[in-house]
Amino acid sequence: MSKVTFSSKWGKVKVNKKPVFAGDANKSAQDSVREMKAAQKPPAGEDYREKSLAIHGLICARCGREFTESNRNILTVHHKDGNHSNNPADGSNWENLCAYCHEDVHSRGVLAEYLENAGSGREFSVVYEEKPAESGTGILAEKLKKALQKGKRS
């Protein structure tokens, strides 16, 4: 039995007859998915995640949490400059972050962009703004000094 596929290129119909192997018909969906994932993996030596883990260790660069081989899948590689194609061999563009810190880093960037774009058309109020006083200290420092002086009087 053969598999027939149709291809229309420049208005022509082409029929390709490919034999179906007995092994393909008995292959499970999981085996097929496993083979497709293996075909998509980069060749050995091009996996920057493994290189980064070897260089920087199984530690989150932000929160300092240490990981073991059993939970190393939570540890991700963050590109400092945001360019996923920039993968120097010395690992200078990488930092290992746990999934939680990595999400935090990227969500802060998204939030900053949102606030930057939305800030022009929206009103906002500043709850605390420190302006330097004449003595060179800030308003908060002045208020703290006054509060401490009141505390000493009573």
C-alpha atoms as a PDB file:
ATOM      1  CA  MET A   1       0.000   0.000   0.000  1.00  0.00           C
ATOM      2  CA  SER A   2       1.287   3.491  -0.758  1.00  0.00           C
ATOM      3  CA  LYS A   3       0.590   6.959   0.560  1.00  0.00           C
ATOM      4  CA  VAL A   4      -0.562   9.476  -2.017  1.00  0.00           C
ATOM      5  CA  THR A   5       0.053  13.202  -1.493  1.00  0.00           C
ATOM      6  CA  PHE A   6      -0.897  16.002  -3.817  1.00  0.00           C
ATOM      7  CA  SER A   7       1.169  19.099  -4.390  1.00  0.00           C
ATOM      8  CA  SER A   8       0.128  22.038  -6.505  1.00  0.00           C
ATOM      9  CA  LYS A   9       3.063  24.103  -7.586  1.00  0.00           C
ATOM     10  CA  TRP A  10       2.554  26.665 -10.334  1.00  0.00           C
ATOM     11  CA  GLY A  11      -0.893  25.263 -11.035  1.00  0.00           C
ATOM     12  CA  LYS A  12       0.268  21.696 -11.693  1.00  0.00           C
ATOM     13  CA  VAL A  13      -0.844  18.730  -9.661  1.00  0.00           C
ATOM     14  CA  LYS A  14       1.884  16.286  -8.748  1.00  0.00           C
ATOM     15  CA  VAL A  15       1.244  12.875  -7.235  1.00  0.00           C
ATOM     16  CA  ASN A  16       3.918  11.369  -4.993  1.00  0.00           C
ATOM     17  CA  LYS A  17       3.620   7.729  -4.080  1.00  0.00           C
ATOM     18  CA  LYS A  18       5.489   6.937  -0.889  1.00  0.00           C
ATOM     19  CA  PRO A  19       5.485   3.456   0.574  1.00  0.00           C
ATOM     20  CA  VAL A  20       4.096   3.111   4.094  1.00  0.00           C
ATOM     21  CA  PHE A  21       6.403   1.090   6.317  1.00  0.00           C
ATOM     22  CA  ALA A  22       4.922  -1.475   8.638  1.00  0.00           C
ATOM     23  CA  GLY A  23       6.773   0.095  11.585  1.00  0.00           C
ATOM     24  CA  ASP A  24       5.130   3.495  11.003  1.00  0.00           C
ATOM     25  CA  ALA A  25       1.610   2.126  11.277  1.00  0.00           C
ATOM     26  CA  ASN A  26       2.335   0.552  14.674  1.00  0.00           C
ATOM     27  CA  LYS A  27       4.142   3.598  16.072  1.00  0.00           C
ATOM     28  CA  SER A  28       2.372   5.305  18.956  1.00  0.00           C
ATOM     29  CA  ALA A  29       1.688   9.037  19.048  1.00  0.00           C
ATOM     30  CA  GLN A  30       4.133   9.420  21.938  1.00  0.00           C
ATOM     31  CA  ASP A  31       6.924   7.836  19.898  1.00  0.00           C
ATOM     32  CA  SER A  32       6.173  10.148  16.987  1.00  0.00           C
ATOM     33  CA  VAL A  33       6.234  13.228  19.236  1.00  0.00           C
ATOM     34  CA  ARG A  34       9.475  12.056  20.845  1.00  0.00           C
ATOM     35  CA  GLU A  35      11.092  11.694  17.411  1.00  0.00           C
ATOM     36  CA  MET A  36       9.905  15.148  16.303  1.00  0.00           C
ATOM     37  CA  LYS A  37      11.287  16.763  19.481  1.00  0.00           C
ATOM     38  CA  ALA A  38      14.611  14.990  19.023  1.00  0.00           C
ATOM     39  CA  ALA A  39      14.801  16.278  15.441  1.00  0.00           C
ATOM     40  CA  GLN A  40      14.215  19.862  16.652  1.00  0.00           C
ATOM     41  CA  LYS A  41      16.945  19.806  19.312  1.00  0.00           C
ATOM     42  CA  PRO A  42      20.126  21.644  18.355  1.00  0.00           C
ATOM     43  CA  PRO A  43      23.198  19.529  17.664  1.00  0.00           C
ATOM     44  CA  ALA A  44      25.445  18.704  20.597  1.00  0.00           C
ATOM     45  CA  GLY A  45      27.528  21.689  21.665  1.00  0.00           C
ATOM     46  CA  GLU A  46      24.956  24.271  20.541  1.00  0.00           C
ATOM     47  CA  ASP A  47      22.682  23.995  23.592  1.00  0.00           C
ATOM     48  CA  TYR A  48      23.383  27.270  25.414  1.00  0.00           C
ATOM     49  CA  ARG A  49      21.220  26.259  28.387  1.00  0.00           C
ATOM     50  CA  GLU A  50      23.476  23.361  29.293  1.00  0.00           C
ATOM     51  CA  LYS A  51      26.563  25.526  28.754  1.00  0.00           C
ATOM     52  CA  SER A  52      25.176  28.232  31.031  1.00  0.00           C
ATOM     53  CA  LEU A  53      24.279  25.736  33.738  1.00  0.00           C
ATOM     54  CA  ALA A  54      27.801  24.319  33.559  1.00  0.00           C
ATOM     55  CA  ILE A  55      29.432  27.769  33.704  1.00  0.00           C
ATOM     56  CA  HIS A  56      27.231  29.486  36.300  1.00  0.00           C
ATOM     57  CA  GLY A  57      26.088  26.471  38.311  1.00  0.00           C
ATOM     58  CA  LEU A  58      22.632  25.445  39.490  1.00  0.00           C
ATOM     59  CA  ILE A  59      21.956  28.698  41.386  1.00  0.00           C
ATOM     60  CA  CYS A  60      19.490  31.490  40.608  1.00  0.00           C
ATOM     61  CA  ALA A  61      21.458  34.708  40.058  1.00  0.00           C
ATOM     62  CA  ARG A  62      18.666  36.803  41.580  1.00  0.00           C
ATOM     63  CA  CYS A  63      17.242  35.042  44.608  1.00  0.00           C
ATOM     64  CA  GLY A  64      20.229  32.770  45.280  1.00  0.00           C
ATOM     65  CA  ARG A  65      18.157  29.583  45.475  1.00  0.00           C
ATOM     66  CA  GLU A  66      20.214  26.463  44.856  1.00  0.00           C
ATOM     67  CA  PHE A  67      18.883  23.684  42.663  1.00  0.00           C
ATOM     68  CA  THR A  68      19.590  19.976  42.454  1.00  0.00           C
ATOM     69  CA  GLU A  69      19.599  17.679  39.452  1.00  0.00           C
ATOM     70  CA  SER A  70      16.027  16.654  40.270  1.00  0.00           C
ATOM     71  CA  ASN A  71      14.596  20.206  40.083  1.00  0.00           C
ATOM     72  CA  ARG A  72      17.031  21.839  37.630  1.00  0.00           C
ATOM     73  CA  ASN A  73      14.213  22.147  35.096  1.00  0.00           C
ATOM     74  CA  ILE A  74      12.917  25.168  37.085  1.00  0.00           C
ATOM     75  CA  LEU A  75      16.180  26.994  36.341  1.00  0.00           C
ATOM     76  CA  THR A  76      16.125  29.006  33.098  1.00  0.00           C
ATOM     77  CA  VAL A  77      18.705  31.008  31.154  1.00  0.00           C
ATOM     78  CA  HIS A  78      18.054  34.743  30.796  1.00  0.00           C
ATOM     79  CA  HIS A  79      19.779  36.696  28.018  1.00  0.00           C
ATOM     80  CA  LYS A  80      20.923  39.946  29.599  1.00  0.00           C
ATOM     81  CA  ASP A  81      20.717  41.956  26.377  1.00  0.00           C
ATOM     82  CA  GLY A  82      17.452  40.322  25.275  1.00  0.00           C
ATOM     83  CA  ASN A  83      19.016  38.902  22.092  1.00  0.00           C
ATOM     84  CA  HIS A  84      18.526  35.126  22.041  1.00  0.00           C
ATOM     85  CA  SER A  85      20.976  34.803  19.161  1.00  0.00           C
ATOM     86  CA  ASN A  86      23.792  36.368  21.178  1.00  0.00           C
ATOM     87  CA  ASN A  87      25.308  33.283  22.820  1.00  0.00           C
ATOM     88  CA  PRO A  88      29.003  33.877  23.507  1.00  0.00           C
ATOM     89  CA  ALA A  89      31.001  30.842  24.586  1.00  0.00           C
ATOM     90  CA  ASP A  90      32.110  32.540  27.818  1.00  0.00           C
ATOM     91  CA  GLY A  91      28.483  32.956  28.950  1.00  0.00           C
ATOM     92  CA  SER A  92      28.765  36.713  29.451  1.00  0.00           C
ATOM     93  CA  ASN A  93      25.253  37.321  28.063  1.00  0.00           C
ATOM     94  CA  TRP A  94      23.585  34.670  30.217  1.00  0.00           C
ATOM     95  CA  GLU A  95      22.400  34.486  33.777  1.00  0.00           C
ATOM     96  CA  ASN A  96      20.625  31.531  35.338  1.00  0.00           C
ATOM     97  CA  LEU A  97      17.296  32.535  36.855  1.00  0.00           C
ATOM     98  CA  CYS A  98      14.616  30.401  38.452  1.00  0.00           C
ATOM     99  CA  ALA A  99      11.306  30.466  36.599  1.00  0.00           C
ATOM    100  CA  TYR A 100       9.838  32.859  39.176  1.00  0.00           C
ATOM    101  CA  CYS A 101      12.653  35.427  38.950  1.00  0.00           C
ATOM    102  CA  HIS A 102      12.750  35.101  35.154  1.00  0.00           C
ATOM    103  CA  GLU A 103       9.038  35.853  34.961  1.00  0.00           C
ATOM    104  CA  ASP A 104       9.547  38.817  37.305  1.00  0.00           C
ATOM    105  CA  VAL A 105      12.336  40.255  35.148  1.00  0.00           C
ATOM    106  CA  HIS A 106      10.265  40.079  31.978  1.00  0.00           C
ATOM    107  CA  SER A 107       7.017  41.279  33.560  1.00  0.00           C
ATOM    108  CA  ARG A 108       8.786  44.338  34.965  1.00  0.00           C
ATOM    109  CA  GLY A 109       9.876  45.253  31.450  1.00  0.00           C
ATOM    110  CA  VAL A 110       6.355  44.814  30.108  1.00  0.00           C
ATOM    111  CA  LEU A 111       4.921  46.867  32.972  1.00  0.00           C
ATOM    112  CA  ALA A 112       7.473  49.642  32.410  1.00  0.00           C
ATOM    113  CA  GLU A 113       6.634  49.800  28.701  1.00  0.00           C
ATOM    114  CA  TYR A 114       2.923  49.886  29.482  1.00  0.00           C
ATOM    115  CA  LEU A 115       3.300  52.681  32.005  1.00  0.00           C
ATOM    116  CA  GLU A 116       5.587  54.619  29.691  1.00  0.00           C
ATOM    117  CA  ASN A 117       3.067  54.488  26.832  1.00  0.00           C
ATOM    118  CA  ALA A 118      -0.008  54.973  29.019  1.00  0.00           C
ATOM    119  CA  GLY A 119       1.516  57.780  31.078  1.00  0.00           C
ATOM    120  CA  SER A 120       1.086  60.410  28.386  1.00  0.00           C
ATOM    121  CA  GLY A 121      -2.715  60.255  28.309  1.00  0.00           C
ATOM    122  CA  ARG A 122      -3.471  59.465  31.923  1.00  0.00           C
ATOM    123  CA  GLU A 123      -3.309  61.453  35.110  1.00  0.00           C
ATOM    124  CA  PHE A 124      -1.261  60.122  37.963  1.00  0.00           C
ATOM    125  CA  SER A 125      -0.348  61.423  41.357  1.00  0.00           C
ATOM    126  CA  VAL A 126       2.918  61.088  43.192  1.00  0.00           C
ATOM    127  CA  VAL A 127       2.492  59.800  46.703  1.00  0.00           C
ATOM    128  CA  TYR A 128       6.021  60.600  47.783  1.00  0.00           C
ATOM    129  CA  GLU A 129       8.465  62.894  46.068  1.00  0.00           C
ATOM    130  CA  GLU A 130      11.686  63.735  47.793  1.00  0.00           C
ATOM    131  CA  LYS A 131      13.008  67.206  47.066  1.00  0.00           C
ATOM    132  CA  PRO A 132      16.310  68.222  48.561  1.00  0.00           C
ATOM    133  CA  ALA A 133      15.991  70.807  51.315  1.00  0.00           C
ATOM    134  CA  GLU A 134      18.376  73.699  51.782  1.00  0.00           C
ATOM    135  CA  SER A 135      20.478  71.759  54.261  1.00  0.00           C
ATOM    136  CA  GLY A 136      21.179  69.084  51.648  1.00  0.00           C
ATOM    137  CA  THR A 137      18.963  66.429  53.268  1.00  0.00           C
ATOM    138  CA  GLY A 138      15.646  65.239  51.904  1.00  0.00           C
ATOM    139  CA  ILE A 139      12.111  65.890  53.117  1.00  0.00           C
ATOM    140  CA  LEU A 140      11.854  62.419  54.605  1.00  0.00           C
ATOM    141  CA  ALA A 141      14.990  62.989  56.642  1.00  0.00           C
ATOM    142  CA  GLU A 142      13.595  66.304  57.908  1.00  0.00           C
ATOM    143  CA  LYS A 143      10.303  64.668  58.920  1.00  0.00           C
ATOM    144  CA  LEU A 144      12.168  61.870  60.677  1.00  0.00           C
ATOM    145  CA  LYS A 145      14.271  64.374  62.651  1.00  0.00           C
ATOM    146  CA  LYS A 146      11.124  66.258  63.714  1.00  0.00           C
ATOM    147  CA  ALA A 147       9.420  63.039  64.807  1.00  0.00           C
ATOM    148  CA  LEU A 148      12.451  62.003  66.855  1.00  0.00           C
ATOM    149  CA  GLN A 149      12.610  65.412  68.528  1.00  0.00           C
ATOM    150  CA  LYS A 150       8.899  65.171  69.450  1.00  0.00           C
ATOM    151  CA  GLY A 151       9.539  61.731  70.893  1.00  0.00           C
ATOM    152  CA  LYS A 152      12.329  63.032  73.130  1.00  0.00           C
ATOM    153  CA  ARG A 153      10.155  65.842  74.501  1.00  0.00           C
ATOM    154  CA  SER A 154       7.410  63.548  75.745  1.00  0.00           C
END
